[in-house]
C-alpha atoms as a PDB file:
ATOM      1  CA  MET A   1       0.000   0.000   0.000  1.00  0.00           C
ATOM      2  CA  ILE A   2       1.367   3.446  -0.908  1.00  0.00           C
ATOM      3  CA  ASP A   3       1.561   6.082   1.804  1.00  0.00           C
ATOM      4  CA  GLN A   4      -0.611   9.086   0.909  1.00  0.00           C
ATOM      5  CA  THR A   5       1.266  11.567   3.138  1.00  0.00           C
ATOM      6  CA  LEU A   6       1.150  15.177   2.000  1.00  0.00           C
ATOM      7  CA  TRP A   7       4.490  16.956   1.992  1.00  0.00           C
ATOM      8  CA  ALA A   8       3.956  20.565   2.972  1.00  0.00           C
ATOM      9  CA  PHE A   9       6.839  22.917   2.319  1.00  0.00           C
ATOM     10  CA  GLU A  10       6.454  25.847   4.688  1.00  0.00           C
ATOM     11  CA  GLY A  11       8.707  28.822   5.194  1.00  0.00           C
ATOM     12  CA  LEU A  12      10.535  28.489   1.866  1.00  0.00           C
ATOM     13  CA  THR A  13      12.327  31.480   0.418  1.00  0.00           C
ATOM     14  CA  GLY A  14      11.558  32.717  -3.079  1.00  0.00           C
ATOM     15  CA  ARG A  15      14.720  31.082  -4.396  1.00  0.00           C
ATOM     16  CA  GLN A  16      13.804  27.725  -2.860  1.00  0.00           C
ATOM     17  CA  ARG A  17      10.224  27.905  -4.222  1.00  0.00           C
ATOM     18  CA  LYS A  18      11.514  28.599  -7.760  1.00  0.00           C
ATOM     19  CA  ALA A  19      13.981  25.685  -7.650  1.00  0.00           C
ATOM     20  CA  LEU A  20      11.329  23.326  -6.242  1.00  0.00           C
ATOM     21  CA  GLY A  21       8.776  24.443  -8.832  1.00  0.00           C
ATOM     22  CA  LEU A  22      11.261  23.866 -11.663  1.00  0.00           C
ATOM     23  CA  PHE A  23      12.068  20.406 -10.298  1.00  0.00           C
ATOM     24  CA  TYR A  24       8.409  19.323 -10.049  1.00  0.00           C
ATOM     25  CA  ARG A  25       7.454  20.834 -13.412  1.00  0.00           C
ATOM     26  CA  ASN A  26      10.213  18.885 -15.132  1.00  0.00           C
ATOM     27  CA  LEU A  27       9.433  15.764 -13.111  1.00  0.00           C
ATOM     28  CA  MET A  28       5.771  15.791 -14.198  1.00  0.00           C
ATOM     29  CA  THR A  29       6.622  16.379 -17.867  1.00  0.00           C
ATOM     30  CA  GLY A  30       9.418  13.805 -17.866  1.00  0.00           C
ATOM     31  CA  LYS A  31      12.026  16.283 -19.089  1.00  0.00           C
ATOM     32  CA  MET A  32      15.451  16.942 -17.693  1.00  0.00           C
ATOM     33  CA  ALA A  33      16.027  20.426 -16.390  1.00  0.00           C
ATOM     34  CA  ALA A  34      18.520  22.429 -18.368  1.00  0.00           C
ATOM     35  CA  THR A  35      21.477  23.738 -16.401  1.00  0.00           C
ATOM     36  CA  ASP A  36      20.741  27.331 -17.300  1.00  0.00           C
ATOM     37  CA  ALA A  37      17.150  26.952 -16.041  1.00  0.00           C
ATOM     38  CA  VAL A  38      18.390  25.648 -12.675  1.00  0.00           C
ATOM     39  CA  ILE A  39      20.904  28.485 -12.396  1.00  0.00           C
ATOM     40  CA  THR A  40      18.201  31.008 -13.274  1.00  0.00           C
ATOM     41  CA  ALA A  41      15.882  29.510 -10.650  1.00  0.00           C
ATOM     42  CA  LEU A  42      18.617  29.780  -8.012  1.00  0.00           C
ATOM     43  CA  ASP A  43      19.719  33.253  -9.100  1.00  0.00           C
ATOM     44  CA  THR A  44      17.301  35.411  -7.107  1.00  0.00           C
ATOM     45  CA  PRO A  45      18.402  39.048  -7.045  1.00  0.00           C
ATOM     46  CA  VAL A  46      20.132  40.059  -3.825  1.00  0.00           C
ATOM     47  CA  ASP A  47      17.940  43.118  -3.297  1.00  0.00           C
ATOM     48  CA  LEU A  48      14.945  40.811  -2.699  1.00  0.00           C
ATOM     49  CA  ILE A  49      16.637  39.189   0.278  1.00  0.00           C
ATOM     50  CA  PRO A  50      16.179  41.193   3.502  1.00  0.00           C
ATOM     51  CA  MET A  51      19.575  42.061   4.995  1.00  0.00           C
ATOM     52  CA  GLY A  52      18.634  44.050   8.113  1.00  0.00           C
ATOM     53  CA  GLU A  53      17.355  43.037  11.508  1.00  0.00           C
ATOM     54  CA  THR A  54      13.744  43.511  12.348  1.00  0.00           C
ATOM     55  CA  ALA A  55      12.793  45.299  15.564  1.00  0.00           C
ATOM     56  CA  GLN A  56      11.753  41.967  17.094  1.00  0.00           C
ATOM     57  CA  GLU A  57      15.084  40.313  16.239  1.00  0.00           C
ATOM     58  CA  LYS A  58      17.007  43.263  17.656  1.00  0.00           C
ATOM     59  CA  ALA A  59      14.985  43.259  20.894  1.00  0.00           C
ATOM     60  CA  ALA A  60      15.420  39.482  21.281  1.00  0.00           C
ATOM     61  CA  GLY A  61      19.193  39.810  20.803  1.00  0.00           C
ATOM     62  CA  LEU A  62      19.550  42.655  23.294  1.00  0.00           C
ATOM     63  CA  ALA A  63      17.408  40.880  25.907  1.00  0.00           C
ATOM     64  CA  LYS A  64      20.198  38.325  26.513  1.00  0.00           C
ATOM     65  CA  VAL A  65      23.073  40.836  26.809  1.00  0.00           C
ATOM     66  CA  GLU A  66      24.300  42.060  30.202  1.00  0.00           C
ATOM     67  CA  PRO A  67      24.918  45.800  30.679  1.00  0.00           C
ATOM     68  CA  ARG A  68      28.151  47.089  29.152  1.00  0.00           C
ATOM     69  CA  ALA A  69      29.635  48.197  32.495  1.00  0.00           C
ATOM     70  CA  LEU A  70      29.153  44.689  33.920  1.00  0.00           C
ATOM     71  CA  ARG A  71      30.824  43.124  30.877  1.00  0.00           C
ATOM     72  CA  VAL A  72      33.764  45.558  31.156  1.00  0.00           C
ATOM     73  CA  VAL A  73      34.263  44.768  34.859  1.00  0.00           C
ATOM     74  CA  TRP A  74      33.952  41.021  34.215  1.00  0.00           C
ATOM     75  CA  ASN A  75      36.564  41.129  31.413  1.00  0.00           C
ATOM     76  CA  ILE A  76      38.981  43.189  33.509  1.00  0.00           C
ATOM     77  CA  VAL A  77      38.675  40.771  36.443  1.00  0.00           C
ATOM     78  CA  TYR A  78      38.974  37.728  34.168  1.00  0.00           C
ATOM     79  CA  TYR A  79      42.090  38.940  32.361  1.00  0.00           C
ATOM     80  CA  ALA A  80      43.684  40.220  35.597  1.00  0.00           C
ATOM     81  CA  ARG A  81      43.271  36.761  37.147  1.00  0.00           C
ATOM     82  CA  LEU A  82      44.623  35.117  34.007  1.00  0.00           C
ATOM     83  CA  MET A  83      47.622  37.459  34.053  1.00  0.00           C
ATOM     84  CA  ALA A  84      48.206  36.716  37.765  1.00  0.00           C
ATOM     85  CA  VAL A  85      48.168  32.961  37.159  1.00  0.00           C
ATOM     86  CA  VAL A  86      50.525  33.132  34.178  1.00  0.00           C
ATOM     87  CA  GLY A  87      52.739  35.756  35.859  1.00  0.00           C
ATOM     88  CA  GLY A  88      52.828  33.734  39.084  1.00  0.00           C
ATOM     89  CA  TYR A  89      53.824  30.588  37.245  1.00  0.00           C
ATOM     90  CA  LEU A  90      56.542  32.318  35.234  1.00  0.00           C
ATOM     91  CA  GLY A  91      57.682  34.257  38.326  1.00  0.00           C
ATOM     92  CA  ALA A  92      57.980  31.013  40.287  1.00  0.00           C
ATOM     93  CA  LEU A  93      60.108  29.524  37.516  1.00  0.00           C
ATOM     94  CA  ILE A  94      62.361  32.594  37.447  1.00  0.00           C
ATOM     95  CA  TRP A  95      62.671  32.650  41.259  1.00  0.00           C
ATOM     96  CA  LYS A  96      63.514  28.949  41.342  1.00  0.00           C
ATOM     97  CA  ARG A  97      66.164  29.503  38.681  1.00  0.00           C
ATOM     98  CA  LEU A  98      67.722  32.398  40.636  1.00  0.00           C
ATOM     99  CA  ASP A  99      67.383  30.924  44.136  1.00  0.00           C
ATOM    100  CA  HIS A 100      68.373  27.304  43.539  1.00  0.00           C
ATOM    101  CA  VAL A 101      71.727  25.841  42.585  1.00  0.00           C
ATOM    102  CA  ALA A 102      71.751  22.224  41.488  1.00  0.00           C
ATOM    103  CA  LEU A 103      74.227  20.063  43.405  1.00  0.00           C
ATOM    104  CA  SER A 104      75.872  18.992  40.158  1.00  0.00           C
ATOM    105  CA  ASN A 105      76.922  22.645  39.665  1.00  0.00           C
ATOM    106  CA  VAL A 106      78.303  23.273  43.176  1.00  0.00           C
ATOM    107  CA  ARG A 107      81.975  24.204  43.445  1.00  0.00           C
ATOM    108  CA  ASP A 108      83.633  24.070  46.843  1.00  0.00           C
ATOM    109  CA  ARG A 109      87.114  25.551  47.190  1.00  0.00           C
ATOM    110  CA  ALA A 110      89.207  24.283  50.039  1.00  0.00           C
ATOM    111  CA  PRO A 111      92.799  25.289  50.717  1.00  0.00           C
ATOM    112  CA  LEU A 112      95.289  22.753  49.396  1.00  0.00           C
ATOM    113  CA  VAL A 113      97.988  21.827  51.879  1.00  0.00           C
ATOM    114  CA  GLU A 114     100.807  19.609  50.731  1.00  0.00           C
ATOM    115  CA  ILE A 115     102.269  17.300  53.365  1.00  0.00           C
ATOM    116  CA  ALA A 116     105.450  15.499  52.408  1.00  0.00           C
ATOM    117  CA  ALA A 117     106.201  12.020  53.790  1.00  0.00           C
ATOM    118  CA  PRO A 118     109.517  11.653  55.641  1.00  0.00           C
ATOM    119  CA  ALA A 119     110.555   8.830  53.303  1.00  0.00           C
ATOM    120  CA  ASN A 120     109.576   7.335  49.964  1.00  0.00           C
ATOM    121  CA  GLY A 121     107.120   4.467  50.014  1.00  0.00           C
ATOM    122  CA  PHE A 122     103.649   3.127  49.262  1.00  0.00           C
ATOM    123  CA  VAL A 123     100.564   3.426  51.448  1.00  0.00           C
ATOM    124  CA  ALA A 124     100.240   0.161  53.318  1.00  0.00           C
ATOM    125  CA  GLU A 125      97.447   1.027  55.722  1.00  0.00           C
ATOM    126  CA  THR A 126      95.093   3.953  56.439  1.00  0.00           C
ATOM    127  CA  LEU A 127      94.807   4.410  60.197  1.00  0.00           C
ATOM    128  CA  VAL A 128      92.043   7.062  60.297  1.00  0.00           C
ATOM    129  CA  PRO A 129      88.662   6.459  58.604  1.00  0.00           C
ATOM    130  CA  ALA A 130      87.365   9.092  56.175  1.00  0.00           C
ATOM    131  CA  GLY A 131      85.537  11.969  57.858  1.00  0.00           C
ATOM    132  CA  ALA A 132      86.849  11.231  61.369  1.00  0.00           C
ATOM    133  CA  PRO A 133      88.257  14.132  63.427  1.00  0.00           C
ATOM    134  CA  ILE A 134      92.059  14.275  63.552  1.00  0.00           C
ATOM    135  CA  ALA A 135      94.191  15.670  66.352  1.00  0.00           C
ATOM    136  CA  ALA A 136      97.391  17.521  65.582  1.00  0.00           C
ATOM    137  CA  GLY A 137     100.366  15.150  65.294  1.00  0.00           C
ATOM    138  CA  ALA A 138      98.185  12.027  64.921  1.00  0.00           C
ATOM    139  CA  GLU A 139      99.421   9.200  62.720  1.00  0.00           C
ATOM    140  CA  LEU A 140      97.260   9.017  59.576  1.00  0.00           C
ATOM    141  CA  LEU A 141      98.725   6.143  57.568  1.00  0.00           C
ATOM    142  CA  ARG A 142     101.597   3.688  57.380  1.00  0.00           C
ATOM    143  CA  LEU A 143     104.021   3.478  54.491  1.00  0.00           C
ATOM    144  CA  THR A 144     105.973   0.498  53.228  1.00  0.00           C
ATOM    145  CA  ASP A 145     109.215   0.483  51.329  1.00  0.00           C
ATOM    146  CA  PRO A 146     109.347  -2.145  48.616  1.00  0.00           C
END
């Protein structure tokens, strides 16, 4: 059974009505539409198309907009907070760079004192462990003579 639904085209523009009329006229006669006829149907002059806002459209658009002073204050607060966040982050990076020295870059200068052994030889034994306090005149290591 074939559906007998009526297709109602409502709210069509003049251009759309012309193109639809051309399509149905050629469909009912069994002819193909010539390209120039389709272009002519779609080529509605621009001055027939309304380009301005109606009073209703303008009122509906302005009904949703906050007052200008409120928008100005909101934008100033928003961008000030954004600047504070970005400035704080970059400032923290700069401060960390200036305030912190990585241990791999540390240089410690200690005075170099040369102590000569009383005789030639090789170290046989270390008597004082590393880091232990040393008293003046204490024996630090023993030498052997090969």
